[in-house]
Amino acid sequence: MWEKLSIAFALFLIFEGMLPFLSPGFWRRMMLEMSNKSDNSIRIMGLLSMLAGLFLLYIFK
């Protein structure tokens, strides 16, 4: 189980690092826009992201 969790975390880090590596200007603008969002908006985006991840896990599993 820990091995799979470690692999999942490593993949997460790879995917998280792709956008700033490939397009730092876009990433910077996106972060500036996110800093202007309300806490509720950020929470909703986080919830939608988690639900999308759960949905993908359900489909692939």
N, C-alpha and C. Protein backbone atom coordinates (compact mmCIF):
# COMPACT_ATOMS: atom_id res chain seq x y z
N MET A 1 0.81 -1.19 0.00
CA MET A 1 0.00 0.00 0.00
C MET A 1 0.86 1.27 0.00
N TRP A 2 1.92 1.29 0.83
CA TRP A 2 2.76 2.48 0.89
C TRP A 2 3.49 2.72 -0.42
N GLU A 3 3.80 1.63 -1.12
CA GLU A 3 4.48 1.77 -2.40
C GLU A 3 3.56 2.45 -3.42
N LYS A 4 2.30 2.04 -3.46
CA LYS A 4 1.34 2.65 -4.39
C LYS A 4 1.08 4.11 -4.02
N LEU A 5 1.00 4.39 -2.74
CA LEU A 5 0.79 5.77 -2.30
C LEU A 5 1.99 6.64 -2.67
N SER A 6 3.18 6.10 -2.53
CA SER A 6 4.39 6.83 -2.92
C SER A 6 4.42 7.10 -4.42
N ILE A 7 4.02 6.10 -5.20
CA ILE A 7 3.97 6.29 -6.66
C ILE A 7 2.94 7.35 -7.02
N ALA A 8 1.78 7.30 -6.38
CA ALA A 8 0.73 8.29 -6.65
C ALA A 8 1.22 9.69 -6.29
N PHE A 9 1.92 9.83 -5.18
CA PHE A 9 2.43 11.14 -4.77
C PHE A 9 3.49 11.63 -5.75
N ALA A 10 4.34 10.73 -6.21
CA ALA A 10 5.37 11.10 -7.18
C ALA A 10 4.71 11.58 -8.49
N LEU A 11 3.69 10.88 -8.95
CA LEU A 11 2.98 11.30 -10.16
C LEU A 11 2.30 12.65 -9.96
N PHE A 12 1.74 12.86 -8.78
CA PHE A 12 1.13 14.16 -8.45
C PHE A 12 2.17 15.28 -8.58
N LEU A 13 3.35 15.07 -8.03
CA LEU A 13 4.40 16.09 -8.10
C LEU A 13 4.83 16.34 -9.54
N ILE A 14 4.91 15.28 -10.33
CA ILE A 14 5.29 15.43 -11.74
C ILE A 14 4.26 16.28 -12.47
N PHE A 15 2.98 15.94 -12.31
CA PHE A 15 1.94 16.69 -13.00
C PHE A 15 1.82 18.12 -12.50
N GLU A 16 1.99 18.32 -11.20
CA GLU A 16 1.95 19.68 -10.65
C GLU A 16 3.09 20.54 -11.17
N GLY A 17 4.23 19.93 -11.44
CA GLY A 17 5.38 20.69 -11.90
C GLY A 17 5.41 20.95 -13.39
N MET A 18 4.55 20.27 -14.15
CA MET A 18 4.59 20.42 -15.60
C MET A 18 4.21 21.82 -16.07
N LEU A 19 3.13 22.39 -15.54
CA LEU A 19 2.67 23.69 -16.01
C LEU A 19 3.69 24.80 -15.72
N PRO A 20 4.21 24.91 -14.48
CA PRO A 20 5.21 25.97 -14.27
C PRO A 20 6.48 25.77 -15.10
N PHE A 21 6.82 24.53 -15.38
CA PHE A 21 8.01 24.26 -16.19
C PHE A 21 7.77 24.63 -17.66
N LEU A 22 6.62 24.23 -18.20
CA LEU A 22 6.34 24.45 -19.61
C LEU A 22 5.91 25.88 -19.94
N SER A 23 5.19 26.51 -19.00
CA SER A 23 4.67 27.85 -19.28
C SER A 23 4.66 28.69 -18.00
N PRO A 24 5.82 29.17 -17.58
CA PRO A 24 5.89 29.91 -16.31
C PRO A 24 5.07 31.21 -16.32
N GLY A 25 4.99 31.88 -17.46
CA GLY A 25 4.20 33.12 -17.52
C GLY A 25 2.73 32.87 -17.28
N PHE A 26 2.19 31.84 -17.92
CA PHE A 26 0.78 31.48 -17.73
C PHE A 26 0.53 31.07 -16.29
N TRP A 27 1.45 30.27 -15.73
CA TRP A 27 1.31 29.81 -14.35
C TRP A 27 1.28 31.00 -13.39
N ARG A 28 2.16 31.98 -13.62
CA ARG A 28 2.21 33.16 -12.76
C ARG A 28 0.90 33.94 -12.83
N ARG A 29 0.38 34.15 -14.06
CA ARG A 29 -0.91 34.87 -14.20
C ARG A 29 -2.04 34.11 -13.52
N MET A 30 -2.01 32.78 -13.65
CA MET A 30 -3.05 31.97 -13.03
C MET A 30 -2.99 32.08 -11.51
N MET A 31 -1.78 32.08 -10.93
CA MET A 31 -1.63 32.21 -9.48
C MET A 31 -2.08 33.60 -9.01
N LEU A 32 -1.79 34.64 -9.81
CA LEU A 32 -2.25 35.98 -9.44
C LEU A 32 -3.77 36.07 -9.45
N GLU A 33 -4.39 35.44 -10.44
CA GLU A 33 -5.85 35.42 -10.48
C GLU A 33 -6.43 34.65 -9.31
N MET A 34 -5.80 33.54 -8.95
CA MET A 34 -6.28 32.74 -7.82
C MET A 34 -6.18 33.51 -6.51
N SER A 35 -5.17 34.36 -6.38
CA SER A 35 -5.02 35.11 -5.13
C SER A 35 -6.12 36.14 -4.96
N ASN A 36 -6.81 36.49 -6.05
CA ASN A 36 -7.91 37.44 -5.96
C ASN A 36 -9.26 36.78 -5.72
N LYS A 37 -9.30 35.46 -5.76
CA LYS A 37 -10.56 34.72 -5.55
C LYS A 37 -10.90 34.65 -4.07
N SER A 38 -12.17 34.53 -3.78
CA SER A 38 -12.60 34.39 -2.39
C SER A 38 -12.28 32.98 -1.89
N ASP A 39 -12.25 32.83 -0.57
CA ASP A 39 -11.98 31.51 0.02
C ASP A 39 -13.02 30.49 -0.44
N ASN A 40 -14.28 30.91 -0.53
CA ASN A 40 -15.33 30.00 -0.97
C ASN A 40 -15.09 29.50 -2.39
N SER A 41 -14.69 30.39 -3.28
CA SER A 41 -14.42 29.99 -4.66
C SER A 41 -13.28 28.98 -4.73
N ILE A 42 -12.26 29.21 -3.94
CA ILE A 42 -11.11 28.29 -3.92
C ILE A 42 -11.53 26.94 -3.36
N ARG A 43 -12.36 26.94 -2.32
CA ARG A 43 -12.85 25.68 -1.75
C ARG A 43 -13.68 24.90 -2.75
N ILE A 44 -14.53 25.61 -3.49
CA ILE A 44 -15.37 24.94 -4.50
C ILE A 44 -14.50 24.33 -5.59
N MET A 45 -13.47 25.07 -6.03
CA MET A 45 -12.56 24.53 -7.05
C MET A 45 -11.83 23.30 -6.51
N GLY A 46 -11.43 23.34 -5.24
CA GLY A 46 -10.76 22.18 -4.63
C GLY A 46 -11.70 20.98 -4.54
N LEU A 47 -12.95 21.24 -4.17
CA LEU A 47 -13.94 20.17 -4.08
C LEU A 47 -14.18 19.54 -5.46
N LEU A 48 -14.32 20.39 -6.48
CA LEU A 48 -14.54 19.87 -7.83
C LEU A 48 -13.33 19.06 -8.31
N SER A 49 -12.15 19.50 -7.95
CA SER A 49 -10.95 18.76 -8.32
C SER A 49 -10.92 17.39 -7.64
N MET A 50 -11.27 17.35 -6.35
CA MET A 50 -11.30 16.07 -5.64
C MET A 50 -12.35 15.15 -6.22
N LEU A 51 -13.53 15.68 -6.54
CA LEU A 51 -14.59 14.86 -7.12
C LEU A 51 -14.18 14.31 -8.49
N ALA A 52 -13.50 15.13 -9.28
CA ALA A 52 -13.01 14.68 -10.58
C ALA A 52 -12.00 13.55 -10.39
N GLY A 53 -11.13 13.69 -9.40
CA GLY A 53 -10.15 12.64 -9.11
C GLY A 53 -10.82 11.35 -8.67
N LEU A 54 -11.84 11.46 -7.82
CA LEU A 54 -12.56 10.27 -7.39
C LEU A 54 -13.27 9.60 -8.57
N PHE A 55 -13.84 10.41 -9.43
CA PHE A 55 -14.52 9.88 -10.61
C PHE A 55 -13.53 9.13 -11.51
N LEU A 56 -12.36 9.73 -11.73
CA LEU A 56 -11.34 9.07 -12.55
C LEU A 56 -10.86 7.77 -11.91
N LEU A 57 -10.68 7.78 -10.59
CA LEU A 57 -10.29 6.55 -9.89
C LEU A 57 -11.35 5.46 -10.08
N TYR A 58 -12.61 5.85 -9.99
CA TYR A 58 -13.72 4.90 -10.16
C TYR A 58 -13.69 4.31 -11.57
N ILE A 59 -13.47 5.15 -12.56
CA ILE A 59 -13.45 4.69 -13.96
C ILE A 59 -12.26 3.76 -14.22
N PHE A 60 -11.09 4.15 -13.75
CA PHE A 60 -9.88 3.37 -14.04
C PHE A 60 -9.76 2.13 -13.17
N LYS A 61 -10.40 2.10 -12.05
CA LYS A 61 -10.30 0.95 -11.14
C LYS A 61 -11.36 -0.01 -11.51
